[in-house]
């Protein structure tokens, strides 16, 4: 089963390296695709990212909250919301 992760970023996101962070999250959570939602990068809302992952064939989609550190790294909250539909 293919897994997609939606990362919803809170706080200042100006220093995020989305490519690097996506790869780290993909490896850490054993996901096939990662979509990042932030003010500066990626999708505008969860629905947009969910649709993108669904169109790419993801059967399991999980949404997590993350906060950006001053160095541009993302710290995941640890809470997961499984999306379906």
PDB file of N, CA and C in Angstrom:
ATOM      1  N   UNK A   1       0.838  -1.166   0.000  1.00  0.00           N
ATOM      2  CA  UNK A   1       0.000   0.000   0.000  1.00  0.00           C
ATOM      3  C   UNK A   1       0.891   1.240   0.000  1.00  0.00           C
ATOM      4  N   UNK A   2       0.675   2.119  -0.952  1.00  0.00           N
ATOM      5  CA  UNK A   2       1.462   3.344  -1.043  1.00  0.00           C
ATOM      6  C   UNK A   2       0.985   4.354   0.000  1.00  0.00           C
ATOM      7  N   UNK A   3       1.960   4.996   0.653  1.00  0.00           N
ATOM      8  CA  UNK A   3       1.664   5.954   1.715  1.00  0.00           C
ATOM      9  C   UNK A   3       2.140   7.346   1.330  1.00  0.00           C
ATOM     10  N   UNK A   4       1.271   8.325   1.544  1.00  0.00           N
ATOM     11  CA  UNK A   4       1.605   9.724   1.326  1.00  0.00           C
ATOM     12  C   UNK A   4       1.511  10.489   2.634  1.00  0.00           C
ATOM     13  N   UNK A   5       2.389  11.459   2.821  1.00  0.00           N
ATOM     14  CA  UNK A   5       2.413  12.269   4.035  1.00  0.00           C
ATOM     15  C   UNK A   5       2.167  13.726   3.658  1.00  0.00           C
ATOM     16  N   UNK A   6       1.242  14.358   4.365  1.00  0.00           N
ATOM     17  CA  UNK A   6       1.025  15.795   4.236  1.00  0.00           C
ATOM     18  C   UNK A   6       1.610  16.434   5.487  1.00  0.00           C
ATOM     19  N   UNK A   7       2.538  17.349   5.314  1.00  0.00           N
ATOM     20  CA  UNK A   7       3.156  18.052   6.438  1.00  0.00           C
ATOM     21  C   UNK A   7       2.615  19.476   6.442  1.00  0.00           C
ATOM     22  N   UNK A   8       1.871  19.818   7.485  1.00  0.00           N
ATOM     23  CA  UNK A   8       1.293  21.154   7.637  1.00  0.00           C
ATOM     24  C   UNK A   8       2.217  21.958   8.545  1.00  0.00           C
ATOM     25  N   UNK A   9       2.891  22.960   7.969  1.00  0.00           N
ATOM     26  CA  UNK A   9       3.906  23.726   8.686  1.00  0.00           C
ATOM     27  C   UNK A   9       3.278  24.935   9.360  1.00  0.00           C
ATOM     28  N   UNK A  10       3.581  25.090  10.660  1.00  0.00           N
ATOM     29  CA  UNK A  10       3.145  26.271  11.407  1.00  0.00           C
ATOM     30  C   UNK A  10       4.371  27.123  11.722  1.00  0.00           C
ATOM     31  N   UNK A  11       4.150  28.390  11.944  1.00  0.00           N
ATOM     32  CA  UNK A  11       5.247  29.286  12.288  1.00  0.00           C
ATOM     33  C   UNK A  11       5.963  29.824  11.057  1.00  0.00           C
ATOM     34  N   UNK A  12       7.114  30.420  11.285  1.00  0.00           N
ATOM     35  CA  UNK A  12       7.908  31.026  10.218  1.00  0.00           C
ATOM     36  C   UNK A  12       8.516  29.933   9.344  1.00  0.00           C
ATOM     37  N   UNK A  13       8.176  29.976   8.064  1.00  0.00           N
ATOM     38  CA  UNK A  13       8.644  28.925   7.155  1.00  0.00           C
ATOM     39  C   UNK A  13       9.603  29.438   6.096  1.00  0.00           C
ATOM     40  N   UNK A  14      10.157  30.610   6.300  1.00  0.00           N
ATOM     41  CA  UNK A  14      10.984  31.230   5.263  1.00  0.00           C
ATOM     42  C   UNK A  14      12.319  30.516   5.043  1.00  0.00           C
ATOM     43  N   UNK A  15      12.791  29.749   6.020  1.00  0.00           N
ATOM     44  CA  UNK A  15      14.106  29.115   5.898  1.00  0.00           C
ATOM     45  C   UNK A  15      14.038  27.634   5.519  1.00  0.00           C
ATOM     46  N   UNK A  16      12.855  27.109   5.211  1.00  0.00           N
ATOM     47  CA  UNK A  16      12.723  25.681   4.929  1.00  0.00           C
ATOM     48  C   UNK A  16      13.352  25.323   3.585  1.00  0.00           C
ATOM     49  N   UNK A  17      14.151  24.275   3.592  1.00  0.00           N
ATOM     50  CA  UNK A  17      14.635  23.651   2.354  1.00  0.00           C
ATOM     51  C   UNK A  17      13.686  22.482   2.099  1.00  0.00           C
ATOM     52  N   UNK A  18      12.631  22.722   1.305  1.00  0.00           N
ATOM     53  CA  UNK A  18      11.564  21.731   1.152  1.00  0.00           C
ATOM     54  C   UNK A  18      12.060  20.420   0.553  1.00  0.00           C
ATOM     55  N   UNK A  19      12.980  20.460  -0.372  1.00  0.00           N
ATOM     56  CA  UNK A  19      13.488  19.232  -0.971  1.00  0.00           C
ATOM     57  C   UNK A  19      14.190  18.358   0.048  1.00  0.00           C
ATOM     58  N   UNK A  20      15.078  18.949   0.817  1.00  0.00           N
ATOM     59  CA  UNK A  20      15.829  18.213   1.834  1.00  0.00           C
ATOM     60  C   UNK A  20      14.887  17.688   2.914  1.00  0.00           C
ATOM     61  N   UNK A  21      13.976  18.534   3.388  1.00  0.00           N
ATOM     62  CA  UNK A  21      13.054  18.130   4.449  1.00  0.00           C
ATOM     63  C   UNK A  21      12.097  17.036   3.975  1.00  0.00           C
ATOM     64  N   UNK A  22      11.648  17.132   2.724  1.00  0.00           N
ATOM     65  CA  UNK A  22      10.769  16.098   2.176  1.00  0.00           C
ATOM     66  C   UNK A  22      11.453  14.743   2.171  1.00  0.00           C
ATOM     67  N   UNK A  23      12.700  14.702   1.759  1.00  0.00           N
ATOM     68  CA  UNK A  23      13.445  13.445   1.725  1.00  0.00           C
ATOM     69  C   UNK A  23      13.664  12.888   3.129  1.00  0.00           C
ATOM     70  N   UNK A  24      13.973  13.751   4.093  1.00  0.00           N
ATOM     71  CA  UNK A  24      14.168  13.292   5.469  1.00  0.00           C
ATOM     72  C   UNK A  24      12.881  12.703   6.048  1.00  0.00           C
ATOM     73  N   UNK A  25      11.770  13.388   5.818  1.00  0.00           N
ATOM     74  CA  UNK A  25      10.479  12.913   6.318  1.00  0.00           C
ATOM     75  C   UNK A  25      10.077  11.621   5.619  1.00  0.00           C
ATOM     76  N   UNK A  26      10.317  11.564   4.315  1.00  0.00           N
ATOM     77  CA  UNK A  26       9.988  10.351   3.547  1.00  0.00           C
ATOM     78  C   UNK A  26      10.727   9.142   4.111  1.00  0.00           C
ATOM     79  N   UNK A  27      12.018   9.300   4.412  1.00  0.00           N
ATOM     80  CA  UNK A  27      12.808   8.207   4.967  1.00  0.00           C
ATOM     81  C   UNK A  27      12.371   7.865   6.394  1.00  0.00           C
ATOM     82  N   UNK A  28      12.152   8.889   7.210  1.00  0.00           N
ATOM     83  CA  UNK A  28      11.812   8.684   8.611  1.00  0.00           C
ATOM     84  C   UNK A  28      10.449   7.998   8.777  1.00  0.00           C
ATOM     85  N   UNK A  29       9.462   8.378   7.963  1.00  0.00           N
ATOM     86  CA  UNK A  29       8.107   7.848   8.107  1.00  0.00           C
ATOM     87  C   UNK A  29       7.807   6.737   7.105  1.00  0.00           C
ATOM     88  N   UNK A  30       8.798   6.340   6.333  1.00  0.00           N
ATOM     89  CA  UNK A  30       8.655   5.275   5.334  1.00  0.00           C
ATOM     90  C   UNK A  30       7.466   5.537   4.400  1.00  0.00           C
ATOM     91  N   UNK A  31       7.480   6.728   3.816  1.00  0.00           N
ATOM     92  CA  UNK A  31       6.413   7.156   2.904  1.00  0.00           C
ATOM     93  C   UNK A  31       6.911   7.122   1.461  1.00  0.00           C
ATOM     94  N   UNK A  32       5.950   7.056   0.539  1.00  0.00           N
ATOM     95  CA  UNK A  32       6.291   7.087  -0.883  1.00  0.00           C
ATOM     96  C   UNK A  32       6.352   8.515  -1.421  1.00  0.00           C
ATOM     97  N   UNK A  33       5.485   9.385  -0.916  1.00  0.00           N
ATOM     98  CA  UNK A  33       5.455  10.791  -1.347  1.00  0.00           C
ATOM     99  C   UNK A  33       5.203  11.679  -0.150  1.00  0.00           C
ATOM    100  N   UNK A  34       5.745  12.890  -0.186  1.00  0.00           N
ATOM    101  CA  UNK A  34       5.532  13.892   0.863  1.00  0.00           C
ATOM    102  C   UNK A  34       5.113  15.191   0.206  1.00  0.00           C
ATOM    103  N   UNK A  35       4.060  15.805   0.728  1.00  0.00           N
ATOM    104  CA  UNK A  35       3.624  17.128   0.283  1.00  0.00           C
ATOM    105  C   UNK A  35       3.699  18.060   1.486  1.00  0.00           C
ATOM    106  N   UNK A  36       4.286  19.242   1.297  1.00  0.00           N
ATOM    107  CA  UNK A  36       4.441  20.207   2.384  1.00  0.00           C
ATOM    108  C   UNK A  36       3.500  21.378   2.151  1.00  0.00           C
ATOM    109  N   UNK A  37       2.744  21.727   3.193  1.00  0.00           N
ATOM    110  CA  UNK A  37       1.849  22.883   3.146  1.00  0.00           C
ATOM    111  C   UNK A  37       2.455  23.973   4.010  1.00  0.00           C
ATOM    112  N   UNK A  38       2.755  25.097   3.403  1.00  0.00           N
ATOM    113  CA  UNK A  38       3.275  26.247   4.145  1.00  0.00           C
ATOM    114  C   UNK A  38       2.912  27.516   3.381  1.00  0.00           C
ATOM    115  N   UNK A  39       3.128  28.639   4.023  1.00  0.00           N
ATOM    116  CA  UNK A  39       2.802  29.903   3.358  1.00  0.00           C
ATOM    117  C   UNK A  39       3.701  30.176   2.166  1.00  0.00           C
ATOM    118  N   UNK A  40       4.945  29.769   2.242  1.00  0.00           N
ATOM    119  CA  UNK A  40       5.925  30.088   1.206  1.00  0.00           C
ATOM    120  C   UNK A  40       6.040  29.030   0.112  1.00  0.00           C
ATOM    121  N   UNK A  41       5.793  27.787   0.459  1.00  0.00           N
ATOM    122  CA  UNK A  41       6.066  26.694  -0.469  1.00  0.00           C
ATOM    123  C   UNK A  41       4.892  25.726  -0.534  1.00  0.00           C
ATOM    124  N   UNK A  42       4.859  24.951  -1.565  1.00  0.00           N
ATOM    125  CA  UNK A  42       3.932  23.826  -1.636  1.00  0.00           C
ATOM    126  C   UNK A  42       2.484  24.217  -1.840  1.00  0.00           C
ATOM    127  N   UNK A  43       1.618  23.445  -1.248  1.00  0.00           N
ATOM    128  CA  UNK A  43       0.181  23.575  -1.443  1.00  0.00           C
ATOM    129  C   UNK A  43      -0.402  24.636  -0.526  1.00  0.00           C
ATOM    130  N   UNK A  44      -1.624  25.059  -0.860  1.00  0.00           N
ATOM    131  CA  UNK A  44      -2.289  26.079  -0.072  1.00  0.00           C
ATOM    132  C   UNK A  44      -3.095  25.508   1.087  1.00  0.00           C
ATOM    133  N   UNK A  45      -3.596  24.288   0.940  1.00  0.00           N
ATOM    134  CA  UNK A  45      -4.401  23.699   2.003  1.00  0.00           C
ATOM    135  C   UNK A  45      -4.308  22.171   1.968  1.00  0.00           C
ATOM    136  N   UNK A  46      -4.861  21.554   2.992  1.00  0.00           N
ATOM    137  CA  UNK A  46      -4.788  20.100   3.121  1.00  0.00           C
ATOM    138  C   UNK A  46      -5.519  19.414   1.977  1.00  0.00           C
ATOM    139  N   UNK A  47      -6.664  19.956   1.575  1.00  0.00           N
ATOM    140  CA  UNK A  47      -7.442  19.340   0.495  1.00  0.00           C
ATOM    141  C   UNK A  47      -6.654  19.293  -0.807  1.00  0.00           C
ATOM    142  N   UNK A  48      -5.948  20.360  -1.122  1.00  0.00           N
ATOM    143  CA  UNK A  48      -5.133  20.419  -2.338  1.00  0.00           C
ATOM    144  C   UNK A  48      -4.028  19.360  -2.299  1.00  0.00           C
ATOM    145  N   UNK A  49      -3.354  19.238  -1.157  1.00  0.00           N
ATOM    146  CA  UNK A  49      -2.288  18.239  -1.023  1.00  0.00           C
ATOM    147  C   UNK A  49      -2.858  16.820  -1.048  1.00  0.00           C
ATOM    148  N   UNK A  50      -4.018  16.625  -0.398  1.00  0.00           N
ATOM    149  CA  UNK A  50      -4.664  15.310  -0.404  1.00  0.00           C
ATOM    150  C   UNK A  50      -5.010  14.899  -1.830  1.00  0.00           C
ATOM    151  N   UNK A  51      -5.571  15.819  -2.597  1.00  0.00           N
ATOM    152  CA  UNK A  51      -5.937  15.519  -3.978  1.00  0.00           C
ATOM    153  C   UNK A  51      -4.697  15.153  -4.799  1.00  0.00           C
ATOM    154  N   UNK A  52      -3.623  15.894  -4.599  1.00  0.00           N
ATOM    155  CA  UNK A  52      -2.377  15.620  -5.324  1.00  0.00           C
ATOM    156  C   UNK A  52      -1.861  14.215  -5.004  1.00  0.00           C
ATOM    157  N   UNK A  53      -1.857  13.839  -3.737  1.00  0.00           N
ATOM    158  CA  UNK A  53      -1.382  12.514  -3.343  1.00  0.00           C
ATOM    159  C   UNK A  53      -2.310  11.410  -3.847  1.00  0.00           C
ATOM    160  N   UNK A  54      -3.607  11.649  -3.815  1.00  0.00           N
ATOM    161  CA  UNK A  54      -4.572  10.676  -4.325  1.00  0.00           C
ATOM    162  C   UNK A  54      -4.364  10.463  -5.821  1.00  0.00           C
ATOM    163  N   UNK A  55      -4.138  11.551  -6.551  1.00  0.00           N
ATOM    164  CA  UNK A  55      -3.918  11.463  -7.994  1.00  0.00           C
ATOM    165  C   UNK A  55      -2.619  10.727  -8.323  1.00  0.00           C
ATOM    166  N   UNK A  56      -1.674  10.714  -7.384  1.00  0.00           N
ATOM    167  CA  UNK A  56      -0.399  10.018  -7.588  1.00  0.00           C
ATOM    168  C   UNK A  56      -0.457   8.566  -7.117  1.00  0.00           C
ATOM    169  N   UNK A  57      -1.642   8.091  -6.737  1.00  0.00           N
ATOM    170  CA  UNK A  57      -1.821   6.687  -6.400  1.00  0.00           C
ATOM    171  C   UNK A  57      -1.617   6.307  -4.945  1.00  0.00           C
ATOM    172  N   UNK A  58      -1.590   7.275  -4.045  1.00  0.00           N
ATOM    173  CA  UNK A  58      -1.415   6.965  -2.625  1.00  0.00           C
ATOM    174  C   UNK A  58      -2.731   6.433  -2.053  1.00  0.00           C
ATOM    175  N   UNK A  59      -2.684   5.271  -1.391  1.00  0.00           N
ATOM    176  CA  UNK A  59      -3.885   4.700  -0.789  1.00  0.00           C
ATOM    177  C   UNK A  59      -4.029   5.090   0.673  1.00  0.00           C
ATOM    178  N   UNK A  60      -2.919   5.323   1.352  1.00  0.00           N
ATOM    179  CA  UNK A  60      -2.931   5.743   2.760  1.00  0.00           C
ATOM    180  C   UNK A  60      -2.313   7.121   2.822  1.00  0.00           C
ATOM    181  N   UNK A  61      -3.061   8.080   3.367  1.00  0.00           N
ATOM    182  CA  UNK A  61      -2.566   9.456   3.456  1.00  0.00           C
ATOM    183  C   UNK A  61      -2.657   9.908   4.909  1.00  0.00           C
ATOM    184  N   UNK A  62      -1.528  10.376   5.427  1.00  0.00           N
ATOM    185  CA  UNK A  62      -1.433  10.823   6.814  1.00  0.00           C
ATOM    186  C   UNK A  62      -1.040  12.294   6.829  1.00  0.00           C
ATOM    187  N   UNK A  63      -1.691  13.062   7.701  1.00  0.00           N
ATOM    188  CA  UNK A  63      -1.371  14.480   7.859  1.00  0.00           C
ATOM    189  C   UNK A  63      -0.706  14.676   9.219  1.00  0.00           C
ATOM    190  N   UNK A  64       0.418  15.391   9.243  1.00  0.00           N
ATOM    191  CA  UNK A  64       1.129  15.690  10.485  1.00  0.00           C
ATOM    192  C   UNK A  64       1.409  17.184  10.559  1.00  0.00           C
ATOM    193  N   UNK A  65       1.465  17.704  11.782  1.00  0.00           N
ATOM    194  CA  UNK A  65       1.846  19.089  12.009  1.00  0.00           C
ATOM    195  C   UNK A  65       3.346  19.166  12.210  1.00  0.00           C
ATOM    196  N   UNK A  66       3.934  20.267  11.764  1.00  0.00           N
ATOM    197  CA  UNK A  66       5.369  20.474  11.966  1.00  0.00           C
ATOM    198  C   UNK A  66       5.614  21.954  12.221  1.00  0.00           C
ATOM    199  N   UNK A  67       6.665  22.218  12.961  1.00  0.00           N
ATOM    200  CA  UNK A  67       7.069  23.587  13.221  1.00  0.00           C
ATOM    201  C   UNK A  67       8.487  23.768  12.693  1.00  0.00           C
ATOM    202  N   UNK A  68       8.738  24.907  12.101  1.00  0.00           N
ATOM    203  CA  UNK A  68      10.049  25.182  11.519  1.00  0.00           C
ATOM    204  C   UNK A  68      10.976  25.781  12.572  1.00  0.00           C
ATOM    205  N   UNK A  69      12.183  25.234  12.657  1.00  0.00           N
ATOM    206  CA  UNK A  69      13.187  25.811  13.549  1.00  0.00           C
ATOM    207  C   UNK A  69      13.858  26.971  12.822  1.00  0.00           C
ATOM    208  N   UNK A  70      14.641  27.718  13.524  1.00  0.00           N
ATOM    209  CA  UNK A  70      15.344  28.851  12.928  1.00  0.00           C
ATOM    210  C   UNK A  70      16.351  28.436  11.869  1.00  0.00           C
ATOM    211  N   UNK A  71      16.765  27.162  11.890  1.00  0.00           N
ATOM    212  CA  UNK A  71      17.747  26.660  10.936  1.00  0.00           C
ATOM    213  C   UNK A  71      17.109  26.098   9.669  1.00  0.00           C
ATOM    214  N   UNK A  72      15.782  26.112   9.596  1.00  0.00           N
ATOM    215  CA  UNK A  72      15.097  25.592   8.421  1.00  0.00           C
ATOM    216  C   UNK A  72      14.723  24.134   8.506  1.00  0.00           C
ATOM    217  N   UNK A  73      14.921  23.524   9.663  1.00  0.00           N
ATOM    218  CA  UNK A  73      14.530  22.129   9.860  1.00  0.00           C
ATOM    219  C   UNK A  73      13.101  22.064  10.357  1.00  0.00           C
ATOM    220  N   UNK A  74      12.421  20.983  10.040  1.00  0.00           N
ATOM    221  CA  UNK A  74      11.057  20.781  10.497  1.00  0.00           C
ATOM    222  C   UNK A  74      11.046  19.829  11.682  1.00  0.00           C
ATOM    223  N   UNK A  75      10.288  20.201  12.716  1.00  0.00           N
ATOM    224  CA  UNK A  75      10.110  19.347  13.889  1.00  0.00           C
ATOM    225  C   UNK A  75       8.667  18.864  13.872  1.00  0.00           C
ATOM    226  N   UNK A  76       8.463  17.564  13.678  1.00  0.00           N
ATOM    227  CA  UNK A  76       7.127  16.993  13.616  1.00  0.00           C
ATOM    228  C   UNK A  76       6.533  16.917  15.012  1.00  0.00           C
ATOM    229  N   UNK A  77       5.209  17.153  15.115  1.00  0.00           N
ATOM    230  CA  UNK A  77       4.534  17.175  16.411  1.00  0.00           C
ATOM    231  C   UNK A  77       4.358  15.790  17.007  1.00  0.00           C
ATOM    232  N   UNK A  78       4.370  14.756  16.186  1.00  0.00           N
ATOM    233  CA  UNK A  78       4.161  13.411  16.676  1.00  0.00           C
ATOM    234  C   UNK A  78       2.716  12.949  16.547  1.00  0.00           C
ATOM    235  N   UNK A  79       1.790  13.872  16.370  1.00  0.00           N
ATOM    236  CA  UNK A  79       0.381  13.511  16.171  1.00  0.00           C
ATOM    237  C   UNK A  79       0.126  13.299  14.697  1.00  0.00           C
ATOM    238  N   UNK A  80      -0.655  12.281  14.384  1.00  0.00           N
ATOM    239  CA  UNK A  80      -0.980  11.965  12.992  1.00  0.00           C
ATOM    240  C   UNK A  80      -2.480  11.892  12.810  1.00  0.00           C
ATOM    241  N   UNK A  81      -2.940  12.397  11.693  1.00  0.00           N
ATOM    242  CA  UNK A  81      -4.340  12.341  11.320  1.00  0.00           C
ATOM    243  C   UNK A  81      -4.422  11.585  10.005  1.00  0.00           C
ATOM    244  N   UNK A  82      -5.066  10.421   9.996  1.00  0.00           N
ATOM    245  CA  UNK A  82      -5.192   9.646   8.770  1.00  0.00           C
ATOM    246  C   UNK A  82      -6.392  10.154   7.976  1.00  0.00           C
ATOM    247  N   UNK A  83      -6.153  10.529   6.723  1.00  0.00           N
ATOM    248  CA  UNK A  83      -7.204  11.062   5.854  1.00  0.00           C
ATOM    249  C   UNK A  83      -7.731   9.964   4.945  1.00  0.00           C
ATOM    250  N   UNK A  84      -9.009   9.975   4.688  1.00  0.00           N
ATOM    251  CA  UNK A  84      -9.600   9.010   3.782  1.00  0.00           C
ATOM    252  C   UNK A  84     -10.728   9.673   3.007  1.00  0.00           C
ATOM    253  N   UNK A  85     -11.117   9.029   1.955  1.00  0.00           N
ATOM    254  CA  UNK A  85     -12.229   9.585   1.194  1.00  0.00           C
ATOM    255  C   UNK A  85     -12.211   9.147  -0.235  1.00  0.00           C
TER     256      UNK A  85
END
